[in-house]
Amino acid sequence: MDTERNARIGKLKWHCRRALLELDLVFQRFWAREQDAVDESSEAVLTRLLELEDHDLWALVSNKRTTDDVEFAAMIKRLQKI
């Protein structure tokens, strides 16, 4: 991993720290499982997803709400893997 990519991944991980414990746990599992699979496209989708408020993001991750955004839906499925 190059230093620029390390910096971007580190920034994303920092932004994954949320006020809701449930989201923190989801993101911890995600990074433990998927870090090597996160490419530039995934980084872009995660960045957009992390712009959501915690409760809106949790509603998507917990299937209380759905999205028509195909990229969001695919990332949500990756986040939901246990």
Protein backbone atom coordinates (compact mmCIF):
# COMPACT_ATOMS: atom_id res chain seq x y z
CA MET A 1 0.00 0.00 0.00
CA ASP A 2 1.45 3.36 -0.93
CA THR A 3 1.56 6.27 1.48
CA GLU A 4 -1.13 8.25 -0.34
CA ARG A 5 -3.54 5.32 -0.20
CA ASN A 6 -2.64 4.72 3.46
CA ALA A 7 -3.51 8.34 4.19
CA ARG A 8 -6.87 8.08 2.38
CA ILE A 9 -7.75 4.82 4.15
CA GLY A 10 -6.71 6.31 7.50
CA LYS A 11 -8.94 9.32 6.88
CA LEU A 12 -11.86 7.06 5.92
CA LYS A 13 -11.37 4.97 9.04
CA TRP A 14 -11.38 8.14 11.13
CA HIS A 15 -14.65 9.26 9.54
CA CYS A 16 -16.12 5.81 10.27
CA ARG A 17 -15.93 6.60 13.99
CA ARG A 18 -19.53 7.37 14.77
CA ALA A 19 -21.59 8.47 17.77
CA LEU A 20 -23.71 5.32 17.54
CA LEU A 21 -21.97 2.28 18.99
CA GLU A 22 -23.84 0.05 16.55
CA LEU A 23 -22.27 1.85 13.59
CA ASP A 24 -18.83 1.75 15.19
CA LEU A 25 -19.13 -2.02 15.48
CA VAL A 26 -20.32 -2.38 11.89
CA PHE A 27 -17.41 -0.34 10.60
CA GLN A 28 -14.87 -2.15 12.78
CA ARG A 29 -15.99 -5.50 11.34
CA PHE A 30 -16.03 -4.02 7.84
CA TRP A 31 -12.43 -2.78 8.04
CA ALA A 32 -11.19 -6.01 9.62
CA ARG A 33 -12.75 -7.99 6.78
CA GLU A 34 -12.57 -5.69 3.74
CA GLN A 35 -9.63 -3.32 4.09
CA ASP A 36 -7.61 -4.93 1.30
CA ALA A 37 -10.68 -5.01 -0.97
CA VAL A 38 -11.41 -1.28 -0.67
CA ASP A 39 -10.45 0.28 -3.99
CA GLU A 40 -10.81 3.88 -5.19
CA SER A 41 -14.41 3.31 -6.24
CA SER A 42 -15.26 1.90 -2.81
CA GLU A 43 -13.48 4.81 -1.17
CA ALA A 44 -15.67 7.25 -3.10
CA VAL A 45 -18.88 5.46 -2.14
CA LEU A 46 -17.83 5.23 1.51
CA THR A 47 -16.99 8.93 1.53
CA ARG A 48 -20.47 9.79 0.24
CA LEU A 49 -22.11 7.34 2.64
CA LEU A 50 -20.25 8.81 5.61
CA GLU A 51 -21.73 12.22 4.83
CA LEU A 52 -25.07 10.91 6.10
CA GLU A 53 -26.18 11.59 9.64
CA ASP A 54 -25.74 8.64 12.01
CA HIS A 55 -29.44 7.87 12.31
CA ASP A 56 -29.93 7.95 8.54
CA LEU A 57 -26.92 5.72 8.02
CA TRP A 58 -28.07 3.31 10.71
CA ALA A 59 -31.53 3.14 9.12
CA LEU A 60 -29.89 1.97 5.88
CA VAL A 61 -27.50 -0.49 7.53
CA SER A 62 -30.26 -1.99 9.71
CA ASN A 63 -32.66 -2.30 6.74
CA LYS A 64 -35.20 0.08 8.24
CA ARG A 65 -34.84 2.17 5.10
CA THR A 66 -33.76 1.39 1.57
CA THR A 67 -32.00 3.43 -1.07
CA ASP A 68 -32.37 3.69 -4.82
CA ASP A 69 -28.66 4.54 -5.14
CA VAL A 70 -27.11 1.37 -6.58
CA GLU A 71 -23.64 2.17 -5.24
CA PHE A 72 -25.02 2.84 -1.75
CA ALA A 73 -27.01 -0.40 -1.84
CA ALA A 74 -23.92 -2.42 -2.79
CA MET A 75 -21.82 -0.82 -0.03
CA ILE A 76 -24.61 -1.34 2.52
CA LYS A 77 -24.59 -5.06 1.67
CA ARG A 78 -20.83 -5.14 2.22
CA LEU A 79 -21.28 -3.40 5.57
CA GLN A 80 -23.98 -5.85 6.62
CA LYS A 81 -21.83 -8.97 6.12
CA ILE A 82 -20.99 -10.58 9.42
